PDB file of N, CA and C in Angstrom:
ATOM      1  N   MET A   1      -6.350 -12.589  -1.617  1.00  0.00           N
ATOM      2  CA  MET A   1      -6.422 -11.154  -1.445  1.00  0.00           C
ATOM      3  C   MET A   1      -6.718 -10.867   0.018  1.00  0.00           C
ATOM      4  N   GLN A   2      -5.919  -9.981   0.581  1.00  0.00           N
ATOM      5  CA  GLN A   2      -6.077  -9.574   1.979  1.00  0.00           C
ATOM      6  C   GLN A   2      -6.256  -8.068   2.046  1.00  0.00           C
ATOM      7  N   ARG A   3      -7.012  -7.631   3.028  1.00  0.00           N
ATOM      8  CA  ARG A   3      -7.173  -6.202   3.266  1.00  0.00           C
ATOM      9  C   ARG A   3      -6.487  -5.854   4.579  1.00  0.00           C
ATOM     10  N   TYR A   4      -5.739  -4.751   4.590  1.00  0.00           N
ATOM     11  CA  TYR A   4      -5.002  -4.321   5.774  1.00  0.00           C
ATOM     12  C   TYR A   4      -5.394  -2.891   6.114  1.00  0.00           C
ATOM     13  N   ASP A   5      -5.824  -2.690   7.339  1.00  0.00           N
ATOM     14  CA  ASP A   5      -6.209  -1.369   7.819  1.00  0.00           C
ATOM     15  C   ASP A   5      -5.015  -0.744   8.525  1.00  0.00           C
ATOM     16  N   LEU A   6      -4.419   0.258   7.899  1.00  0.00           N
ATOM     17  CA  LEU A   6      -3.232   0.912   8.445  1.00  0.00           C
ATOM     18  C   LEU A   6      -3.554   2.300   8.994  1.00  0.00           C
ATOM     19  N   ARG A   7      -4.827   2.604   9.149  1.00  0.00           N
ATOM     20  CA  ARG A   7      -5.234   3.933   9.607  1.00  0.00           C
ATOM     21  C   ARG A   7      -4.698   4.259  10.992  1.00  0.00           C
ATOM     22  N   HIS A   8      -4.563   3.268  11.843  1.00  0.00           N
ATOM     23  CA  HIS A   8      -4.087   3.508  13.205  1.00  0.00           C
ATOM     24  C   HIS A   8      -2.621   3.959  13.245  1.00  0.00           C
ATOM     25  N   LEU A   9      -1.890   3.824  12.135  1.00  0.00           N
ATOM     26  CA  LEU A   9      -0.488   4.221  12.074  1.00  0.00           C
ATOM     27  C   LEU A   9      -0.298   5.673  11.644  1.00  0.00           C
ATOM     28  N   GLY A  10      -1.378   6.361  11.295  1.00  0.00           N
ATOM     29  CA  GLY A  10      -1.281   7.754  10.863  1.00  0.00           C
ATOM     30  C   GLY A  10      -0.423   7.880   9.620  1.00  0.00           C
ATOM     31  N   ASP A  11       0.513   8.837   9.628  1.00  0.00           N
ATOM     32  CA  ASP A  11       1.374   9.079   8.468  1.00  0.00           C
ATOM     33  C   ASP A  11       2.590   8.158   8.417  1.00  0.00           C
ATOM     34  N   ASP A  12       2.694   7.241   9.340  1.00  0.00           N
ATOM     35  CA  ASP A  12       3.867   6.372   9.418  1.00  0.00           C
ATOM     36  C   ASP A  12       3.512   4.930   9.047  1.00  0.00           C
ATOM     37  N   PHE A  13       2.788   4.746   7.956  1.00  0.00           N
ATOM     38  CA  PHE A  13       2.334   3.411   7.576  1.00  0.00           C
ATOM     39  C   PHE A  13       3.178   2.767   6.476  1.00  0.00           C
ATOM     40  N   TYR A  14       4.068   3.517   5.852  1.00  0.00           N
ATOM     41  CA  TYR A  14       4.803   3.017   4.680  1.00  0.00           C
ATOM     42  C   TYR A  14       5.669   1.801   5.000  1.00  0.00           C
ATOM     43  N   GLY A  15       6.390   1.845   6.103  1.00  0.00           N
ATOM     44  CA  GLY A  15       7.230   0.713   6.488  1.00  0.00           C
ATOM     45  C   GLY A  15       6.425  -0.544   6.721  1.00  0.00           C
ATOM     46  N   ARG A  16       5.303  -0.398   7.411  1.00  0.00           N
ATOM     47  CA  ARG A  16       4.456  -1.570   7.670  1.00  0.00           C
ATOM     48  C   ARG A  16       3.871  -2.112   6.369  1.00  0.00           C
ATOM     49  N   MET A  17       3.485  -1.222   5.464  1.00  0.00           N
ATOM     50  CA  MET A  17       2.941  -1.652   4.177  1.00  0.00           C
ATOM     51  C   MET A  17       3.990  -2.475   3.420  1.00  0.00           C
ATOM     52  N   LEU A  18       5.234  -2.019   3.413  1.00  0.00           N
ATOM     53  CA  LEU A  18       6.294  -2.762   2.731  1.00  0.00           C
ATOM     54  C   LEU A  18       6.575  -4.103   3.403  1.00  0.00           C
ATOM     55  N   GLU A  19       6.521  -4.134   4.739  1.00  0.00           N
ATOM     56  CA  GLU A  19       6.707  -5.404   5.460  1.00  0.00           C
ATOM     57  C   GLU A  19       5.645  -6.411   5.059  1.00  0.00           C
ATOM     58  N   ILE A  20       4.406  -5.965   4.991  1.00  0.00           N
ATOM     59  CA  ILE A  20       3.306  -6.856   4.626  1.00  0.00           C
ATOM     60  C   ILE A  20       3.511  -7.409   3.220  1.00  0.00           C
ATOM     61  N   ILE A  21       3.864  -6.540   2.284  1.00  0.00           N
ATOM     62  CA  ILE A  21       4.065  -7.000   0.910  1.00  0.00           C
ATOM     63  C   ILE A  21       5.246  -7.954   0.835  1.00  0.00           C
ATOM     64  N   ASP A  22       6.308  -7.677   1.597  1.00  0.00           N
ATOM     65  CA  ASP A  22       7.460  -8.588   1.624  1.00  0.00           C
ATOM     66  C   ASP A  22       7.051 -10.001   2.050  1.00  0.00           C
ATOM     67  N   GLU A  23       6.063 -10.097   2.916  1.00  0.00           N
ATOM     68  CA  GLU A  23       5.617 -11.383   3.449  1.00  0.00           C
ATOM     69  C   GLU A  23       4.614 -12.094   2.547  1.00  0.00           C
ATOM     70  N   THR A  24       4.120 -11.431   1.505  1.00  0.00           N
ATOM     71  CA  THR A  24       3.129 -12.055   0.635  1.00  0.00           C
ATOM     72  C   THR A  24       3.810 -12.792  -0.514  1.00  0.00           C
ATOM     73  N   ALA A  25       3.069 -13.685  -1.111  1.00  0.00           N
ATOM     74  CA  ALA A  25       3.587 -14.476  -2.226  1.00  0.00           C
ATOM     75  C   ALA A  25       3.557 -13.663  -3.518  1.00  0.00           C
ATOM     76  N   ILE A  26       4.413 -14.032  -4.449  1.00  0.00           N
ATOM     77  CA  ILE A  26       4.418 -13.405  -5.772  1.00  0.00           C
ATOM     78  C   ILE A  26       3.037 -13.610  -6.402  1.00  0.00           C
ATOM     79  N   GLY A  27       2.500 -12.546  -6.969  1.00  0.00           N
ATOM     80  CA  GLY A  27       1.182 -12.604  -7.595  1.00  0.00           C
ATOM     81  C   GLY A  27       0.037 -12.288  -6.656  1.00  0.00           C
ATOM     82  N   GLU A  28       0.317 -12.199  -5.369  1.00  0.00           N
ATOM     83  CA  GLU A  28      -0.717 -11.904  -4.364  1.00  0.00           C
ATOM     84  C   GLU A  28      -1.144 -10.447  -4.468  1.00  0.00           C
ATOM     85  N   VAL A  29      -2.425 -10.203  -4.220  1.00  0.00           N
ATOM     86  CA  VAL A  29      -2.978  -8.856  -4.235  1.00  0.00           C
ATOM     87  C   VAL A  29      -3.326  -8.457  -2.803  1.00  0.00           C
ATOM     88  N   SER A  30      -2.944  -7.239  -2.416  1.00  0.00           N
ATOM     89  CA  SER A  30      -3.223  -6.719  -1.078  1.00  0.00           C
ATOM     90  C   SER A  30      -3.930  -5.378  -1.204  1.00  0.00           C
ATOM     91  N   ILE A  31      -4.859  -5.145  -0.296  1.00  0.00           N
ATOM     92  CA  ILE A  31      -5.582  -3.880  -0.246  1.00  0.00           C
ATOM     93  C   ILE A  31      -5.197  -3.188   1.050  1.00  0.00           C
ATOM     94  N   PHE A  32      -4.763  -1.936   0.937  1.00  0.00           N
ATOM     95  CA  PHE A  32      -4.338  -1.166   2.101  1.00  0.00           C
ATOM     96  C   PHE A  32      -5.237   0.051   2.274  1.00  0.00           C
ATOM     97  N   MET A  33      -5.671   0.282   3.515  1.00  0.00           N
ATOM     98  CA  MET A  33      -6.453   1.466   3.834  1.00  0.00           C
ATOM     99  C   MET A  33      -5.625   2.338   4.764  1.00  0.00           C
ATOM    100  N   PHE A  34      -5.569   3.644   4.469  1.00  0.00           N
ATOM    101  CA  PHE A  34      -4.820   4.577   5.303  1.00  0.00           C
ATOM    102  C   PHE A  34      -5.506   5.938   5.290  1.00  0.00           C
ATOM    103  N   GLU A  35      -5.141   6.789   6.259  1.00  0.00           N
ATOM    104  CA  GLU A  35      -5.690   8.139   6.331  1.00  0.00           C
ATOM    105  C   GLU A  35      -4.973   9.036   5.338  1.00  0.00           C
ATOM    106  N   ILE A  36      -5.730   9.940   4.708  1.00  0.00           N
ATOM    107  CA  ILE A  36      -5.113  10.780   3.685  1.00  0.00           C
ATOM    108  C   ILE A  36      -4.694  12.158   4.177  1.00  0.00           C
ATOM    109  N   GLY A  37      -5.387  12.749   5.122  1.00  0.00           N
ATOM    110  CA  GLY A  37      -5.011  14.081   5.597  1.00  0.00           C
ATOM    111  C   GLY A  37      -4.927  15.074   4.456  1.00  0.00           C
ATOM    112  N   ASP A  38      -3.701  15.507   4.103  1.00  0.00           N
ATOM    113  CA  ASP A  38      -3.503  16.502   3.051  1.00  0.00           C
ATOM    114  C   ASP A  38      -3.246  15.880   1.673  1.00  0.00           C
ATOM    115  N   PHE A  39      -3.531  14.645   1.496  1.00  0.00           N
ATOM    116  CA  PHE A  39      -3.376  13.895   0.245  1.00  0.00           C
ATOM    117  C   PHE A  39      -1.933  13.541  -0.101  1.00  0.00           C
ATOM    118  N   SER A  40      -0.949  14.038   0.621  1.00  0.00           N
ATOM    119  CA  SER A  40       0.430  13.673   0.311  1.00  0.00           C
ATOM    120  C   SER A  40       0.693  12.171   0.490  1.00  0.00           C
ATOM    121  N   PRO A  41       0.021  11.477   1.436  1.00  0.00           N
ATOM    122  CA  PRO A  41       0.242  10.031   1.539  1.00  0.00           C
ATOM    123  C   PRO A  41      -0.192   9.254   0.298  1.00  0.00           C
ATOM    124  N   VAL A  42      -1.118   9.814  -0.476  1.00  0.00           N
ATOM    125  CA  VAL A  42      -1.568   9.130  -1.694  1.00  0.00           C
ATOM    126  C   VAL A  42      -0.409   9.035  -2.681  1.00  0.00           C
ATOM    127  N   GLN A  43       0.232  10.145  -2.972  1.00  0.00           N
ATOM    128  CA  GLN A  43       1.356  10.144  -3.910  1.00  0.00           C
ATOM    129  C   GLN A  43       2.545   9.391  -3.342  1.00  0.00           C
ATOM    130  N   LYS A  44       2.827   9.583  -2.057  1.00  0.00           N
ATOM    131  CA  LYS A  44       3.977   8.915  -1.452  1.00  0.00           C
ATOM    132  C   LYS A  44       3.796   7.399  -1.465  1.00  0.00           C
ATOM    133  N   SER A  45       2.579   6.912  -1.188  1.00  0.00           N
ATOM    134  CA  SER A  45       2.354   5.462  -1.215  1.00  0.00           C
ATOM    135  C   SER A  45       2.546   4.919  -2.630  1.00  0.00           C
ATOM    136  N   ALA A  46       2.087   5.657  -3.638  1.00  0.00           N
ATOM    137  CA  ALA A  46       2.295   5.228  -5.023  1.00  0.00           C
ATOM    138  C   ALA A  46       3.789   5.191  -5.355  1.00  0.00           C
ATOM    139  N   ASP A  47       4.528   6.195  -4.901  1.00  0.00           N
ATOM    140  CA  ASP A  47       5.967   6.235  -5.145  1.00  0.00           C
ATOM    141  C   ASP A  47       6.690   5.080  -4.454  1.00  0.00           C
ATOM    142  N   VAL A  48       6.305   4.784  -3.209  1.00  0.00           N
ATOM    143  CA  VAL A  48       6.925   3.694  -2.446  1.00  0.00           C
ATOM    144  C   VAL A  48       6.684   2.358  -3.151  1.00  0.00           C
ATOM    145  N   ILE A  49       5.466   2.140  -3.620  1.00  0.00           N
ATOM    146  CA  ILE A  49       5.131   0.892  -4.314  1.00  0.00           C
ATOM    147  C   ILE A  49       5.931   0.780  -5.613  1.00  0.00           C
ATOM    148  N   LYS A  50       6.005   1.869  -6.365  1.00  0.00           N
ATOM    149  CA  LYS A  50       6.756   1.855  -7.626  1.00  0.00           C
ATOM    150  C   LYS A  50       8.234   1.596  -7.384  1.00  0.00           C
ATOM    151  N   GLU A  51       8.818   2.267  -6.394  1.00  0.00           N
ATOM    152  CA  GLU A  51      10.238   2.083  -6.081  1.00  0.00           C
ATOM    153  C   GLU A  51      10.543   0.650  -5.649  1.00  0.00           C
ATOM    154  N   ALA A  52       9.576  -0.004  -5.005  1.00  0.00           N
ATOM    155  CA  ALA A  52       9.768  -1.384  -4.568  1.00  0.00           C
ATOM    156  C   ALA A  52       9.621  -2.374  -5.727  1.00  0.00           C
ATOM    157  N   GLY A  53       9.113  -1.888  -6.876  1.00  0.00           N
ATOM    158  CA  GLY A  53       8.986  -2.752  -8.048  1.00  0.00           C
ATOM    159  C   GLY A  53       7.675  -3.504  -8.128  1.00  0.00           C
ATOM    160  N   TRP A  54       6.704  -3.115  -7.353  1.00  0.00           N
ATOM    161  CA  TRP A  54       5.412  -3.783  -7.378  1.00  0.00           C
ATOM    162  C   TRP A  54       4.420  -2.992  -8.211  1.00  0.00           C
ATOM    163  N   THR A  55       3.247  -3.534  -8.422  1.00  0.00           N
ATOM    164  CA  THR A  55       2.248  -2.902  -9.275  1.00  0.00           C
ATOM    165  C   THR A  55       1.130  -2.307  -8.449  1.00  0.00           C
ATOM    166  N   LEU A  56       0.890  -1.009  -8.635  1.00  0.00           N
ATOM    167  CA  LEU A  56      -0.254  -0.338  -8.026  1.00  0.00           C
ATOM    168  C   LEU A  56      -1.414  -0.525  -8.986  1.00  0.00           C
ATOM    169  N   MET A  57      -2.394  -1.325  -8.583  1.00  0.00           N
ATOM    170  CA  MET A  57      -3.497  -1.669  -9.474  1.00  0.00           C
ATOM    171  C   MET A  57      -4.649  -0.668  -9.397  1.00  0.00           C
ATOM    172  N   ASN A  58      -4.838  -0.053  -8.227  1.00  0.00           N
ATOM    173  CA  ASN A  58      -5.945   0.867  -8.048  1.00  0.00           C
ATOM    174  C   ASN A  58      -5.661   1.764  -6.854  1.00  0.00           C
ATOM    175  N   SER A  59      -6.195   2.958  -6.903  1.00  0.00           N
ATOM    176  CA  SER A  59      -6.054   3.915  -5.817  1.00  0.00           C
ATOM    177  C   SER A  59      -7.330   4.734  -5.795  1.00  0.00           C
ATOM    178  N   LEU A  60      -8.054   4.704  -4.673  1.00  0.00           N
ATOM    179  CA  LEU A  60      -9.315   5.436  -4.642  1.00  0.00           C
ATOM    180  C   LEU A  60      -9.672   5.925  -3.257  1.00  0.00           C
ATOM    181  N   LYS A  61     -10.453   6.970  -3.247  1.00  0.00           N
ATOM    182  CA  LYS A  61     -10.917   7.569  -2.000  1.00  0.00           C
ATOM    183  C   LYS A  61     -12.005   6.673  -1.419  1.00  0.00           C
ATOM    184  N   PHE A  62     -11.826   6.273  -0.161  1.00  0.00           N
ATOM    185  CA  PHE A  62     -12.784   5.390   0.505  1.00  0.00           C
ATOM    186  C   PHE A  62     -13.905   6.201   1.139  1.00  0.00           C
ATOM    187  N   ASN A  63     -13.551   7.272   1.807  1.00  0.00           N
ATOM    188  CA  ASN A  63     -14.514   8.201   2.399  1.00  0.00           C
ATOM    189  C   ASN A  63     -13.802   9.539   2.570  1.00  0.00           C
ATOM    190  N   GLU A  64     -14.332  10.446   3.362  1.00  0.00           N
ATOM    191  CA  GLU A  64     -13.727  11.779   3.492  1.00  0.00           C
ATOM    192  C   GLU A  64     -12.326  11.763   4.094  1.00  0.00           C
ATOM    193  N   ALA A  65     -11.982  10.771   4.882  1.00  0.00           N
ATOM    194  CA  ALA A  65     -10.699  10.772   5.583  1.00  0.00           C
ATOM    195  C   ALA A  65      -9.757   9.637   5.185  1.00  0.00           C
ATOM    196  N   ASP A  66     -10.248   8.659   4.448  1.00  0.00           N
ATOM    197  CA  ASP A  66      -9.465   7.449   4.192  1.00  0.00           C
ATOM    198  C   ASP A  66      -9.304   7.174   2.701  1.00  0.00           C
ATOM    199  N   TRP A  67      -8.227   6.469   2.382  1.00  0.00           N
ATOM    200  CA  TRP A  67      -7.882   6.113   1.007  1.00  0.00           C
ATOM    201  C   TRP A  67      -7.538   4.638   0.962  1.00  0.00           C
ATOM    202  N   THR A  68      -7.789   3.990  -0.153  1.00  0.00           N
ATOM    203  CA  THR A  68      -7.374   2.599  -0.313  1.00  0.00           C
ATOM    204  C   THR A  68      -6.515   2.473  -1.570  1.00  0.00           C
ATOM    205  N   ILE A  69      -5.547   1.586  -1.496  1.00  0.00           N
ATOM    206  CA  ILE A  69      -4.764   1.233  -2.678  1.00  0.00           C
ATOM    207  C   ILE A  69      -4.761  -0.288  -2.802  1.00  0.00           C
ATOM    208  N   VAL A  70      -4.720  -0.757  -4.029  1.00  0.00           N
ATOM    209  CA  VAL A  70      -4.657  -2.187  -4.319  1.00  0.00           C
ATOM    210  C   VAL A  70      -3.306  -2.432  -4.975  1.00  0.00           C
ATOM    211  N   VAL A  71      -2.537  -3.339  -4.378  1.00  0.00           N
ATOM    212  CA  VAL A  71      -1.163  -3.589  -4.804  1.00  0.00           C
ATOM    213  C   VAL A  71      -1.002  -5.065  -5.142  1.00  0.00           C
ATOM    214  N   LYS A  72      -0.306  -5.325  -6.242  1.00  0.00           N
ATOM    215  CA  LYS A  72       0.012  -6.710  -6.616  1.00  0.00           C
ATOM    216  C   LYS A  72       1.514  -6.892  -6.545  1.00  0.00           C
ATOM    217  N   LYS A  73       1.927  -7.922  -5.825  1.00  0.00           N
ATOM    218  CA  LYS A  73       3.359  -8.234  -5.724  1.00  0.00           C
ATOM    219  C   LYS A  73       3.774  -8.970  -6.995  1.00  0.00           C
ATOM    220  N   VAL A  74       4.700  -8.369  -7.733  1.00  0.00           N
ATOM    221  CA  VAL A  74       5.076  -8.927  -9.021  1.00  0.00           C
ATOM    222  C   VAL A  74       6.553  -9.254  -9.159  1.00  0.00           C
ATOM    223  N   LYS A  75       7.346  -8.976  -8.134  1.00  0.00           N
ATOM    224  CA  LYS A  75       8.765  -9.303  -8.260  1.00  0.00           C
ATOM    225  C   LYS A  75       9.171 -10.236  -7.131  1.00  0.00           C
ATOM    226  N   SER A  76      10.202 -11.008  -7.378  1.00  0.00           N
ATOM    227  CA  SER A  76      10.678 -11.923  -6.355  1.00  0.00           C
ATOM    228  C   SER A  76      11.619 -11.217  -5.400  1.00  0.00           C
ATOM    229  N   GLU A  77      11.800 -11.810  -4.248  1.00  0.00           N
ATOM    230  CA  GLU A  77      12.720 -11.285  -3.251  1.00  0.00           C
ATOM    231  C   GLU A  77      14.149 -11.465  -3.731  1.00  0.00           C
ATOM    232  N   VAL A  78      14.977 -10.481  -3.536  1.00  0.00           N
ATOM    233  CA  VAL A  78      16.386 -10.573  -3.919  1.00  0.00           C
ATOM    234  C   VAL A  78      17.186 -11.002  -2.698  1.00  0.00           C
ATOM    235  N   ALA A  79      17.965 -12.053  -2.853  1.00  0.00           N
ATOM    236  CA  ALA A  79      18.740 -12.568  -1.719  1.00  0.00           C
ATOM    237  C   ALA A  79      20.058 -11.866  -1.587  1.00  0.00           C
TER     238      ALA A  79
END
């Protein structure tokens, strides 16, 4: 399990989050922290994870400005 702080990317963290998951092994769990602002990144991150075919295990408010999600990679890479 690895934790990744994506707060420095602002609202443009989705691509980096997908890159990180692409590089992890099947069954690996990753924790991502990002800024929430108007809360739209919370739903968008859940949608991005679902569209990629991975499992969103948890999503919670870390503090007043930040959110964390826990993602498990459950599908293999398609060649």
